[in-house]
């Protein structure tokens, strides 16, 4: 039963992130919001991470789990590098996006969905004692936090013209994602 639930929520995460990616990229392009555009592209990494968990759950063997954990760790590291570069370049270039009410509304929905999915997957992963489901749950929660940072940036830009806030928040989250990726990668090698 837990196995089926885990698969269901991984498939749900994949479906949501495909939709989220398309919508955020579109709104980002229309409004000139680099943060929204980058967040939409980052959704592809979440799709990858959830797909790795589906692959692991549909297989057998400890070796498969180790590979899955390493792949998820690399996804964390790619996300952290991408966010760091994108946010740094945006900050240096003084990029000022337009105000985007549609972006704000969609990101609020995204924060709610990603946090809910992350908490549900964490609970299922704990019950299953699945390291890959737990690693992906953390990844989903980080994705929710990143959406929250994008939201803060969009709102502060809309209200006060503080264009730089989402880049600063993104830099902090890049550090968090890097730490998670590095920690998970190190622990995946310890179980060899």
C-alpha atoms as a PDB file:
ATOM      1  CA  UNK A   1       0.000   0.000   0.000  1.00  0.00           C
ATOM      2  CA  UNK A   2       2.789   2.476   0.895  1.00  0.00           C
ATOM      3  CA  UNK A   3       4.620   1.551  -2.301  1.00  0.00           C
ATOM      4  CA  UNK A   4       1.558   2.459  -4.397  1.00  0.00           C
ATOM      5  CA  UNK A   5       1.102   5.716  -2.470  1.00  0.00           C
ATOM      6  CA  UNK A   6       4.745   6.633  -2.998  1.00  0.00           C
ATOM      7  CA  UNK A   7       4.446   6.000  -6.732  1.00  0.00           C
ATOM      8  CA  UNK A   8       1.197   7.969  -6.929  1.00  0.00           C
ATOM      9  CA  UNK A   9       2.747  11.034  -5.281  1.00  0.00           C
ATOM     10  CA  UNK A  10       5.868  10.797  -7.430  1.00  0.00           C
ATOM     11  CA  UNK A  11       3.720  10.690 -10.573  1.00  0.00           C
ATOM     12  CA  UNK A  12       1.664  13.595  -9.232  1.00  0.00           C
ATOM     13  CA  UNK A  13       4.876  15.560  -8.603  1.00  0.00           C
ATOM     14  CA  UNK A  14       6.053  14.867 -12.150  1.00  0.00           C
ATOM     15  CA  UNK A  15       2.730  15.981 -13.672  1.00  0.00           C
ATOM     16  CA  UNK A  16       2.583  19.151 -11.562  1.00  0.00           C
ATOM     17  CA  UNK A  17       6.185  20.080 -12.359  1.00  0.00           C
ATOM     18  CA  UNK A  18       5.674  19.692 -16.100  1.00  0.00           C
ATOM     19  CA  UNK A  19       2.669  22.049 -15.883  1.00  0.00           C
ATOM     20  CA  UNK A  20       4.472  24.375 -13.469  1.00  0.00           C
ATOM     21  CA  UNK A  21       7.518  24.551 -15.725  1.00  0.00           C
ATOM     22  CA  UNK A  22       5.525  25.456 -18.815  1.00  0.00           C
ATOM     23  CA  UNK A  23       3.468  28.112 -17.016  1.00  0.00           C
ATOM     24  CA  UNK A  24       6.426  29.708 -15.193  1.00  0.00           C
ATOM     25  CA  UNK A  25       8.570  29.852 -18.332  1.00  0.00           C
ATOM     26  CA  UNK A  26       5.693  31.473 -20.242  1.00  0.00           C
ATOM     27  CA  UNK A  27       4.877  34.033 -17.529  1.00  0.00           C
ATOM     28  CA  UNK A  28       8.596  34.675 -17.021  1.00  0.00           C
ATOM     29  CA  UNK A  29       9.107  35.410 -20.715  1.00  0.00           C
ATOM     30  CA  UNK A  30       6.037  37.660 -20.904  1.00  0.00           C
ATOM     31  CA  UNK A  31       6.902  39.664 -17.763  1.00  0.00           C
ATOM     32  CA  UNK A  32      10.682  39.663 -18.133  1.00  0.00           C
ATOM     33  CA  UNK A  33      11.024  37.925 -14.759  1.00  0.00           C
ATOM     34  CA  UNK A  34      14.277  35.978 -14.756  1.00  0.00           C
ATOM     35  CA  UNK A  35      13.312  34.444 -11.418  1.00  0.00           C
ATOM     36  CA  UNK A  36      10.051  33.029 -12.806  1.00  0.00           C
ATOM     37  CA  UNK A  37      11.748  31.838 -15.993  1.00  0.00           C
ATOM     38  CA  UNK A  38      14.572  30.185 -14.032  1.00  0.00           C
ATOM     39  CA  UNK A  39      12.098  28.598 -11.642  1.00  0.00           C
ATOM     40  CA  UNK A  40      10.219  27.164 -14.614  1.00  0.00           C
ATOM     41  CA  UNK A  41      13.428  25.647 -15.971  1.00  0.00           C
ATOM     42  CA  UNK A  42      14.293  24.285 -12.510  1.00  0.00           C
ATOM     43  CA  UNK A  43      11.019  22.346 -12.581  1.00  0.00           C
ATOM     44  CA  UNK A  44      12.722  20.017 -15.056  1.00  0.00           C
ATOM     45  CA  UNK A  45      15.225  19.009 -12.361  1.00  0.00           C
ATOM     46  CA  UNK A  46      12.328  18.160 -10.023  1.00  0.00           C
ATOM     47  CA  UNK A  47      10.804  16.023 -12.798  1.00  0.00           C
ATOM     48  CA  UNK A  48      14.167  14.255 -13.108  1.00  0.00           C
ATOM     49  CA  UNK A  49      14.429  13.663  -9.358  1.00  0.00           C
ATOM     50  CA  UNK A  50      10.911  12.248  -9.096  1.00  0.00           C
ATOM     51  CA  UNK A  51      11.533  10.073 -12.171  1.00  0.00           C
ATOM     52  CA  UNK A  52      14.626   8.627 -10.495  1.00  0.00           C
ATOM     53  CA  UNK A  53      12.518   7.725  -7.448  1.00  0.00           C
ATOM     54  CA  UNK A  54       9.922   6.048  -9.693  1.00  0.00           C
ATOM     55  CA  UNK A  55      12.757   4.094 -11.338  1.00  0.00           C
ATOM     56  CA  UNK A  56      14.073   3.057  -7.907  1.00  0.00           C
ATOM     57  CA  UNK A  57      10.632   2.088  -6.562  1.00  0.00           C
ATOM     58  CA  UNK A  58       9.932  -0.050  -9.624  1.00  0.00           C
ATOM     59  CA  UNK A  59      13.180  -2.006  -9.219  1.00  0.00           C
ATOM     60  CA  UNK A  60      14.874  -4.128  -6.644  1.00  0.00           C
ATOM     61  CA  UNK A  61      18.247  -4.121  -4.981  1.00  0.00           C
ATOM     62  CA  UNK A  62      20.465  -1.943  -2.852  1.00  0.00           C
ATOM     63  CA  UNK A  63      22.642  -1.033  -5.827  1.00  0.00           C
ATOM     64  CA  UNK A  64      19.673   0.599  -7.496  1.00  0.00           C
ATOM     65  CA  UNK A  65      18.991   2.733  -4.402  1.00  0.00           C
ATOM     66  CA  UNK A  66      22.622   3.872  -4.313  1.00  0.00           C
ATOM     67  CA  UNK A  67      22.485   4.951  -7.948  1.00  0.00           C
ATOM     68  CA  UNK A  68      19.175   6.758  -7.341  1.00  0.00           C
ATOM     69  CA  UNK A  69      20.591   8.627  -4.331  1.00  0.00           C
ATOM     70  CA  UNK A  70      23.638   9.713  -6.333  1.00  0.00           C
ATOM     71  CA  UNK A  71      21.467  10.922  -9.220  1.00  0.00           C
ATOM     72  CA  UNK A  72      19.258  12.930  -6.843  1.00  0.00           C
ATOM     73  CA  UNK A  73      22.393  14.389  -5.223  1.00  0.00           C
ATOM     74  CA  UNK A  74      23.698  15.474  -8.621  1.00  0.00           C
ATOM     75  CA  UNK A  75      20.300  17.060  -9.340  1.00  0.00           C
ATOM     76  CA  UNK A  76      20.647  19.109  -6.130  1.00  0.00           C
ATOM     77  CA  UNK A  77      24.122  20.223  -7.178  1.00  0.00           C
ATOM     78  CA  UNK A  78      22.969  21.177 -10.693  1.00  0.00           C
ATOM     79  CA  UNK A  79      20.063  23.177  -9.287  1.00  0.00           C
ATOM     80  CA  UNK A  80      22.312  24.984  -6.812  1.00  0.00           C
ATOM     81  CA  UNK A  81      24.847  25.863  -9.521  1.00  0.00           C
ATOM     82  CA  UNK A  82      22.176  27.023 -11.938  1.00  0.00           C
ATOM     83  CA  UNK A  83      20.408  29.173  -9.329  1.00  0.00           C
ATOM     84  CA  UNK A  84      23.714  30.645  -8.138  1.00  0.00           C
ATOM     85  CA  UNK A  85      24.796  31.631 -11.657  1.00  0.00           C
ATOM     86  CA  UNK A  86      21.375  32.932 -12.696  1.00  0.00           C
ATOM     87  CA  UNK A  87      20.807  34.957  -9.513  1.00  0.00           C
ATOM     88  CA  UNK A  88      24.363  36.373  -9.554  1.00  0.00           C
ATOM     89  CA  UNK A  89      24.117  37.466 -13.185  1.00  0.00           C
ATOM     90  CA  UNK A  90      20.684  39.021 -12.598  1.00  0.00           C
ATOM     91  CA  UNK A  91      21.948  40.879  -9.545  1.00  0.00           C
ATOM     92  CA  UNK A  92      25.046  42.166 -11.342  1.00  0.00           C
ATOM     93  CA  UNK A  93      23.023  43.208 -14.417  1.00  0.00           C
ATOM     94  CA  UNK A  94      20.442  45.029 -12.248  1.00  0.00           C
ATOM     95  CA  UNK A  95      17.670  43.231 -14.127  1.00  0.00           C
ATOM     96  CA  UNK A  96      14.282  44.793 -13.264  1.00  0.00           C
ATOM     97  CA  UNK A  97      11.312  42.553 -14.119  1.00  0.00           C
ATOM     98  CA  UNK A  98       7.800  43.877 -14.695  1.00  0.00           C
ATOM     99  CA  UNK A  99       5.157  43.439 -12.020  1.00  0.00           C
ATOM    100  CA  UNK A 100       3.295  40.146 -12.518  1.00  0.00           C
ATOM    101  CA  UNK A 101       0.032  39.548 -10.654  1.00  0.00           C
ATOM    102  CA  UNK A 102      -0.495  36.310 -12.587  1.00  0.00           C
ATOM    103  CA  UNK A 103       3.005  35.175 -11.571  1.00  0.00           C
ATOM    104  CA  UNK A 104       2.291  35.978  -7.914  1.00  0.00           C
ATOM    105  CA  UNK A 105      -0.981  34.036  -7.929  1.00  0.00           C
ATOM    106  CA  UNK A 106       0.544  31.017  -9.650  1.00  0.00           C
ATOM    107  CA  UNK A 107       3.582  30.945  -7.354  1.00  0.00           C
ATOM    108  CA  UNK A 108       1.314  31.070  -4.267  1.00  0.00           C
ATOM    109  CA  UNK A 109      -0.431  27.965  -5.613  1.00  0.00           C
ATOM    110  CA  UNK A 110       2.942  26.380  -6.347  1.00  0.00           C
ATOM    111  CA  UNK A 111       4.245  26.974  -2.806  1.00  0.00           C
ATOM    112  CA  UNK A 112       1.149  25.323  -1.327  1.00  0.00           C
ATOM    113  CA  UNK A 113       1.309  22.314  -3.655  1.00  0.00           C
ATOM    114  CA  UNK A 114       5.073  21.732  -3.357  1.00  0.00           C
ATOM    115  CA  UNK A 115       5.095  21.969   0.439  1.00  0.00           C
ATOM    116  CA  UNK A 116       2.083  19.632   0.682  1.00  0.00           C
ATOM    117  CA  UNK A 117       3.687  17.116  -1.708  1.00  0.00           C
ATOM    118  CA  UNK A 118       7.017  17.321   0.137  1.00  0.00           C
ATOM    119  CA  UNK A 119       5.423  16.680   3.532  1.00  0.00           C
ATOM    120  CA  UNK A 120       3.303  13.801   2.215  1.00  0.00           C
ATOM    121  CA  UNK A 121       6.335  12.178   0.547  1.00  0.00           C
ATOM    122  CA  UNK A 122       8.373  12.673   3.732  1.00  0.00           C
ATOM    123  CA  UNK A 123       5.713  10.882   5.784  1.00  0.00           C
ATOM    124  CA  UNK A 124       5.478   8.008   3.270  1.00  0.00           C
ATOM    125  CA  UNK A 125       9.270   7.779   2.925  1.00  0.00           C
ATOM    126  CA  UNK A 126       9.661   7.597   6.714  1.00  0.00           C
ATOM    127  CA  UNK A 127       7.097   4.799   6.980  1.00  0.00           C
ATOM    128  CA  UNK A 128       8.697   2.912   4.075  1.00  0.00           C
ATOM    129  CA  UNK A 129      12.225   3.638   5.320  1.00  0.00           C
ATOM    130  CA  UNK A 130      13.027   4.644   1.746  1.00  0.00           C
ATOM    131  CA  UNK A 131      16.091   6.843   1.468  1.00  0.00           C
ATOM    132  CA  UNK A 132      15.242   7.797  -2.104  1.00  0.00           C
ATOM    133  CA  UNK A 133      11.674   8.869  -1.282  1.00  0.00           C
ATOM    134  CA  UNK A 134      13.021  10.879   1.686  1.00  0.00           C
ATOM    135  CA  UNK A 135      15.721  12.500  -0.471  1.00  0.00           C
ATOM    136  CA  UNK A 136      13.113  13.445  -3.065  1.00  0.00           C
ATOM    137  CA  UNK A 137      10.789  14.739  -0.328  1.00  0.00           C
ATOM    138  CA  UNK A 138      13.578  17.099   0.779  1.00  0.00           C
ATOM    139  CA  UNK A 139      14.102  18.117  -2.832  1.00  0.00           C
ATOM    140  CA  UNK A 140      10.380  18.891  -3.180  1.00  0.00           C
ATOM    141  CA  UNK A 141      10.432  20.939   0.040  1.00  0.00           C
ATOM    142  CA  UNK A 142      13.471  22.865  -1.216  1.00  0.00           C
ATOM    143  CA  UNK A 143      11.562  23.449  -4.454  1.00  0.00           C
ATOM    144  CA  UNK A 144       8.670  24.821  -2.367  1.00  0.00           C
ATOM    145  CA  UNK A 145      11.094  27.085  -0.497  1.00  0.00           C
ATOM    146  CA  UNK A 146      12.533  28.280  -3.794  1.00  0.00           C
ATOM    147  CA  UNK A 147       8.990  29.075  -4.970  1.00  0.00           C
ATOM    148  CA  UNK A 148       8.533  30.984  -1.711  1.00  0.00           C
ATOM    149  CA  UNK A 149      11.679  32.994  -2.433  1.00  0.00           C
ATOM    150  CA  UNK A 150      10.427  33.750  -5.946  1.00  0.00           C
ATOM    151  CA  UNK A 151       7.110  34.824  -4.390  1.00  0.00           C
ATOM    152  CA  UNK A 152       8.817  37.162  -1.913  1.00  0.00           C
ATOM    153  CA  UNK A 153      10.808  38.685  -4.759  1.00  0.00           C
ATOM    154  CA  UNK A 154       7.734  39.128  -6.972  1.00  0.00           C
ATOM    155  CA  UNK A 155       5.688  40.688  -4.166  1.00  0.00           C
ATOM    156  CA  UNK A 156       8.434  43.065  -2.992  1.00  0.00           C
ATOM    157  CA  UNK A 157       9.125  44.069  -6.591  1.00  0.00           C
ATOM    158  CA  UNK A 158       5.411  44.696  -7.181  1.00  0.00           C
ATOM    159  CA  UNK A 159       4.907  46.669  -3.958  1.00  0.00           C
ATOM    160  CA  UNK A 160       8.177  48.558  -3.512  1.00  0.00           C
ATOM    161  CA  UNK A 161      10.228  48.057  -6.691  1.00  0.00           C
ATOM    162  CA  UNK A 162      12.773  45.942  -4.781  1.00  0.00           C
ATOM    163  CA  UNK A 163      13.907  43.947  -7.822  1.00  0.00           C
ATOM    164  CA  UNK A 164      17.015  42.557  -6.087  1.00  0.00           C
ATOM    165  CA  UNK A 165      15.237  40.619  -3.292  1.00  0.00           C
ATOM    166  CA  UNK A 166      14.433  37.489  -5.315  1.00  0.00           C
ATOM    167  CA  UNK A 167      18.068  37.227  -6.455  1.00  0.00           C
ATOM    168  CA  UNK A 168      19.316  37.493  -2.860  1.00  0.00           C
ATOM    169  CA  UNK A 169      16.783  34.885  -1.680  1.00  0.00           C
ATOM    170  CA  UNK A 170      17.753  32.640  -4.587  1.00  0.00           C
ATOM    171  CA  UNK A 171      21.443  32.862  -3.593  1.00  0.00           C
ATOM    172  CA  UNK A 172      20.576  31.714  -0.075  1.00  0.00           C
ATOM    173  CA  UNK A 173      18.533  28.823  -1.444  1.00  0.00           C
ATOM    174  CA  UNK A 174      21.365  27.905  -3.812  1.00  0.00           C
ATOM    175  CA  UNK A 175      23.526  27.423  -0.733  1.00  0.00           C
ATOM    176  CA  UNK A 176      20.871  25.234   0.907  1.00  0.00           C
ATOM    177  CA  UNK A 177      20.489  23.099  -2.245  1.00  0.00           C
ATOM    178  CA  UNK A 178      24.280  22.736  -2.515  1.00  0.00           C
ATOM    179  CA  UNK A 179      24.531  21.608   1.114  1.00  0.00           C
ATOM    180  CA  UNK A 180      21.765  19.019   0.601  1.00  0.00           C
ATOM    181  CA  UNK A 181      23.347  17.712  -2.596  1.00  0.00           C
ATOM    182  CA  UNK A 182      26.799  17.480  -1.060  1.00  0.00           C
ATOM    183  CA  UNK A 183      25.508  15.821   2.122  1.00  0.00           C
ATOM    184  CA  UNK A 184      23.403  13.299   0.180  1.00  0.00           C
ATOM    185  CA  UNK A 185      26.244  12.526  -2.205  1.00  0.00           C
ATOM    186  CA  UNK A 186      28.635  11.878   0.674  1.00  0.00           C
ATOM    187  CA  UNK A 187      26.131   9.648   2.459  1.00  0.00           C
ATOM    188  CA  UNK A 188      25.413   7.690  -0.751  1.00  0.00           C
ATOM    189  CA  UNK A 189      29.087   6.746  -0.955  1.00  0.00           C
ATOM    190  CA  UNK A 190      29.183   5.738   2.717  1.00  0.00           C
ATOM    191  CA  UNK A 191      26.618   2.985   2.127  1.00  0.00           C
ATOM    192  CA  UNK A 192      28.730   1.243  -0.536  1.00  0.00           C
END
